Protein backbone atom coordinates (compact mmCIF):
# COMPACT_ATOMS: atom_id res chain seq x y z
CA MET A 1 23.29 10.52 -26.50
CA LYS A 2 22.98 12.77 -23.56
CA THR A 3 20.07 10.79 -22.28
CA LEU A 4 21.98 7.53 -22.54
CA ASP A 5 24.95 8.98 -20.64
CA GLU A 6 22.55 10.24 -17.91
CA LEU A 7 20.83 6.79 -17.76
CA ILE A 8 24.19 5.12 -17.23
CA ARG A 9 25.02 7.62 -14.49
CA ILE A 10 21.71 7.06 -12.67
CA VAL A 11 22.23 3.26 -12.74
CA ASN A 12 25.63 3.66 -11.38
CA ASN A 13 24.75 6.00 -8.69
CA PRO A 14 24.73 4.23 -5.05
CA THR A 15 21.19 5.41 -4.50
CA PHE A 16 19.76 3.88 -7.61
CA TRP A 17 18.79 0.61 -6.17
CA LYS A 18 17.30 2.13 -3.01
CA ASN A 19 15.03 4.30 -5.22
CA VAL A 20 13.98 1.37 -7.45
CA SER A 21 13.50 -1.09 -4.50
CA LEU A 22 11.37 1.25 -2.67
CA THR A 23 9.15 1.80 -5.64
CA LEU A 24 9.09 -2.00 -6.16
CA VAL A 25 8.10 -2.54 -2.43
CA ARG A 26 5.19 0.09 -2.77
CA GLY A 27 3.99 -1.70 -5.82
CA GLY A 28 4.63 -5.11 -4.49
CA LEU A 29 2.46 -4.27 -1.27
CA SER A 30 -0.14 -2.85 -3.43
CA PHE A 31 -0.34 -5.82 -5.58
CA ILE A 32 -0.49 -8.26 -2.75
CA ILE A 33 -3.26 -6.41 -0.99
CA ILE A 34 -5.33 -5.94 -4.11
CA VAL A 35 -5.11 -9.49 -5.17
CA SER A 36 -5.88 -10.80 -1.66
CA ILE A 37 -8.99 -8.72 -1.16
CA SER A 38 -10.12 -8.74 -4.88
CA THR A 39 -9.88 -12.54 -5.04
CA PHE A 40 -11.87 -13.05 -1.76
CA LEU A 41 -14.55 -10.52 -2.63
CA GLY A 42 -14.47 -11.58 -6.42
CA LEU A 43 -15.09 -15.25 -5.37
CA LEU A 44 -17.98 -14.25 -3.02
CA SER A 45 -19.61 -12.03 -5.64
CA GLY A 46 -19.27 -14.79 -8.27
CA PHE A 47 -21.04 -17.41 -6.12
CA PHE A 48 -23.35 -15.03 -4.30
CA PRO A 49 -25.02 -12.55 -6.70
CA PHE A 50 -26.32 -10.38 -3.71
CA MET A 51 -22.55 -9.60 -2.89
CA LYS A 52 -22.06 -8.11 -6.39
CA SER A 53 -25.11 -5.74 -5.81
CA PHE A 54 -23.65 -4.74 -2.42
CA LEU A 55 -20.24 -3.93 -3.80
CA THR A 56 -21.35 -2.44 -7.16
CA PRO A 57 -21.51 1.17 -5.80
CA LEU A 58 -17.95 0.92 -4.47
CA LEU A 59 -16.66 -0.23 -7.82
CA VAL A 60 -18.44 2.44 -9.58
CA ILE A 61 -16.82 5.11 -7.36
CA CYS A 62 -13.44 3.64 -7.78
CA LYS A 63 -13.73 3.48 -11.50
CA ALA A 64 -15.12 7.03 -11.78
CA THR A 65 -12.81 8.82 -9.46
CA PRO A 66 -9.85 10.57 -11.20
CA VAL A 67 -6.51 9.02 -10.11
CA MET A 68 -5.18 12.51 -9.29
CA ALA A 69 -8.00 13.26 -6.97
CA ILE A 70 -7.43 10.06 -5.22
CA ILE A 71 -3.74 10.82 -4.70
CA LEU A 72 -4.32 14.41 -3.63
CA LEU A 73 -6.93 13.36 -1.10
CA ALA A 74 -4.76 10.52 0.23
CA PHE A 75 -1.88 12.90 0.70
CA ILE A 76 -4.05 14.77 3.17
CA TRP A 77 -4.79 11.58 5.14
CA PHE A 78 -1.51 9.52 4.82
CA THR A 79 2.17 9.99 4.78
CA SER A 80 3.87 10.41 1.32
CA GLY A 81 5.26 6.88 1.55
CA THR A 82 1.76 5.46 2.14
CA VAL A 83 -0.10 7.45 -0.42
CA PRO A 84 1.18 5.36 -3.49
CA ILE A 85 0.00 2.06 -1.87
CA PHE A 86 -3.38 3.50 -0.90
CA SER A 87 -3.90 5.06 -4.29
CA ALA A 88 -2.83 2.01 -6.28
CA PHE A 89 -5.19 -0.16 -4.23
CA LEU A 90 -8.32 2.06 -5.03
CA MET A 91 -7.43 2.08 -8.75
CA GLY A 92 -6.48 -1.63 -9.17
CA PHE A 93 -9.04 -3.16 -7.00
CA PRO A 94 -11.93 -2.99 -9.53
CA VAL A 95 -9.71 -4.45 -12.45
CA MET A 96 -8.91 -7.51 -10.43
CA PHE A 97 -12.27 -7.91 -8.82
CA VAL A 98 -13.94 -8.05 -12.39
CA GLN A 99 -11.53 -10.64 -13.57
CA VAL A 100 -12.03 -12.96 -10.58
CA GLU A 101 -15.74 -12.73 -10.75
CA GLU A 102 -15.67 -13.32 -14.47
CA GLY A 103 -13.61 -16.34 -13.74
CA VAL A 104 -16.03 -17.81 -11.44
CA HIS A 105 -18.77 -17.37 -14.01
CA HIS A 106 -16.69 -19.41 -16.57
CA ILE A 107 -16.53 -22.45 -14.21
CA SER A 108 -18.51 -25.30 -15.77
CA HIS A 109 -21.74 -25.69 -14.01
CA GLU A 110 -21.95 -29.36 -15.02
CA LEU A 111 -18.67 -30.40 -13.85
CA HIS A 112 -19.30 -28.42 -10.64
CA GLU A 113 -22.37 -30.56 -9.98
CA VAL A 114 -20.31 -33.75 -10.72
CA THR A 115 -17.89 -32.81 -8.05
CA LYS A 116 -20.85 -32.59 -5.63
CA VAL A 117 -22.23 -35.80 -6.66
CA TYR A 118 -19.02 -37.44 -5.99
CA LYS A 119 -18.88 -35.68 -2.65
CA PHE A 120 -15.36 -34.11 -3.22
CA SER A 121 -14.38 -31.86 -0.30
CA ARG A 122 -14.49 -28.17 -0.74
CA ARG A 123 -10.74 -28.00 -0.52
CA THR A 124 -10.43 -30.54 -3.42
CA ARG A 125 -13.10 -28.76 -5.54
CA PHE A 126 -11.40 -25.40 -5.17
CA PHE A 127 -7.70 -26.46 -5.77
CA HIS A 128 -8.28 -29.05 -8.35
CA PHE A 129 -11.41 -27.69 -10.20
CA HIS A 130 -12.25 -24.04 -9.44
CA LEU A 131 -8.68 -22.60 -9.33
CA PRO A 132 -7.39 -24.28 -12.57
CA SER A 133 -10.57 -23.20 -14.37
CA MET A 134 -10.06 -19.54 -13.10
CA ALA A 135 -6.30 -19.35 -13.68
CA PRO A 136 -6.45 -17.59 -16.98
CA PHE A 137 -8.65 -14.90 -15.62
CA LEU A 138 -6.41 -14.59 -12.49
CA ILE A 139 -3.34 -14.28 -14.49
CA THR A 140 -4.97 -11.73 -16.92
CA GLY A 141 -6.27 -9.71 -13.98
CA SER A 142 -2.94 -9.70 -12.31
CA LYS A 143 -1.12 -8.43 -15.40
CA SER A 144 -3.66 -5.62 -16.02
CA THR A 145 -3.59 -4.75 -12.27
CA LEU A 146 0.13 -4.67 -11.91
CA SER A 147 0.55 -2.44 -15.12
CA MET A 148 -1.87 0.03 -13.53
CA ILE A 149 -0.08 -0.20 -10.24
CA TRP A 150 3.21 0.97 -11.60
CA LYS A 151 1.63 3.97 -13.24
CA VAL A 152 -0.36 4.93 -10.09
CA VAL A 153 2.49 4.27 -7.69
CA ILE A 154 4.93 6.41 -9.73
CA ALA A 155 2.42 9.11 -10.39
CA ALA A 156 1.70 9.26 -6.57
CA GLU A 157 5.55 9.47 -6.01
CA VAL A 158 5.77 12.35 -8.35
CA LEU A 159 3.00 14.27 -6.60
CA THR A 160 3.96 13.46 -2.96
CA VAL A 161 7.72 13.14 -3.38
CA PRO A 162 8.75 10.58 -0.57
CA SER A 163 12.40 10.54 0.24
CA PHE A 164 13.08 7.69 -2.21
CA GLY A 165 11.39 6.43 -5.26
CA VAL A 166 11.37 6.44 -8.99
CA GLY A 167 8.58 9.03 -9.28
CA SER A 168 10.41 11.15 -6.58
CA LYS A 169 13.53 11.48 -8.57
CA MET A 170 11.40 12.13 -11.74
CA SER A 171 9.81 14.97 -9.95
CA LEU A 172 13.11 16.41 -8.62
CA ALA A 173 14.66 16.19 -12.05
CA GLN A 174 11.58 18.22 -13.62
CA VAL A 175 11.81 20.93 -10.79
CA ASN A 176 15.60 21.32 -11.73
CA LEU A 177 14.69 21.36 -15.64
CA GLU A 178 16.86 18.15 -16.03
CA THR A 179 15.20 16.84 -19.18
CA ALA A 180 17.73 14.02 -19.61
CA GLN A 181 17.16 12.86 -16.05
CA VAL A 182 13.38 12.97 -16.57
CA ILE A 183 13.46 10.85 -19.73
CA SER A 184 15.99 8.40 -17.97
CA TRP A 185 13.82 7.83 -15.00
CA THR A 186 10.86 7.41 -17.38
CA LEU A 187 12.66 4.75 -19.24
CA ILE A 188 13.21 2.95 -15.92
CA ALA A 189 9.50 3.23 -15.17
CA ILE A 190 8.65 1.83 -18.58
CA PHE A 191 11.01 -1.02 -17.95
CA LEU A 192 9.26 -1.95 -14.89
CA THR A 193 5.86 -2.15 -16.64
CA ALA A 194 7.20 -3.96 -19.62
CA PHE A 195 8.98 -6.54 -17.51
CA SER A 196 5.73 -7.30 -15.47
CA ASP A 197 3.70 -7.63 -18.75
CA LEU A 198 6.16 -10.07 -20.13
CA LEU A 199 6.23 -12.06 -17.03
CA PHE A 200 2.48 -12.50 -16.81
CA SER A 201 2.11 -13.06 -20.57
CA PHE A 202 4.59 -15.93 -20.12
CA LEU A 203 2.64 -17.24 -17.09
CA LEU A 204 -0.66 -17.08 -19.11
CA LYS A 205 0.92 -18.95 -22.10
CA GLU A 206 2.28 -21.62 -19.82
CA THR A 207 -0.86 -22.05 -17.91
CA THR A 208 -2.81 -22.37 -21.22
CA ARG A 209 -0.25 -24.90 -22.40
CA TYR A 210 -0.64 -27.00 -19.26
CA ARG A 211 -4.41 -27.01 -19.44
CA ASP A 212 -4.17 -28.15 -23.04
CA TRP A 213 -1.74 -30.92 -22.33
CA LYS A 214 -3.88 -31.93 -19.26
CA ASN A 215 -7.00 -32.16 -21.38
CA PHE A 216 -5.10 -34.13 -24.06
CA VAL A 217 -3.87 -36.70 -21.44
CA GLU A 218 -7.26 -37.08 -19.95
CA VAL A 219 -8.72 -37.68 -23.42
CA GLU A 220 -6.05 -40.16 -24.65
CA ASP A 221 -6.06 -42.02 -21.09
CA PRO A 222 -9.79 -41.73 -19.82
CA SER A 223 -9.06 -44.47 -17.31
């Protein structure tokens, strides 16, 4: 009951939305950077195997390095507000990259050759053939990446304690031995992760449904 009362008090506090919004901004920026770079490099690695060999050492390092080590090192190089973004990128990049590369490998080689025979432009091939084929992998990768981003961003906020952020408030509550506050901010962090998971699960379901419907229409009406 005390935790519920504390959660209500936190939500009604004028600074609540500023703390949540800055965590969202850090997570959102990390996500945009990860998706942009991982998609570009994942496409290159999928179509050009030598790129995968070139990037493999970087992926191994990112996967093997403990997240706390990344956060502590980043805190030496960057400000407390930048550390969560940098740390989340290094941890989330391999997850999205692998999914994009896997999506490229699941593109039908036969249909790809057909698009070349009919001389479709590269733009048409990408947006009407490659991208729809890769969509489930992109959404799955985005879902896994965003879930990891929230954990890393909030963990980085806890360690670096920027002026505002969910992790900052969690850290300050722990220092003051405010157990109810720690649990309340933890519940808020869990909600962010759960909401993003549900959103991407919905998108994946709708994407799959659209592909099934499109395939059904093409079979029913081959002309």
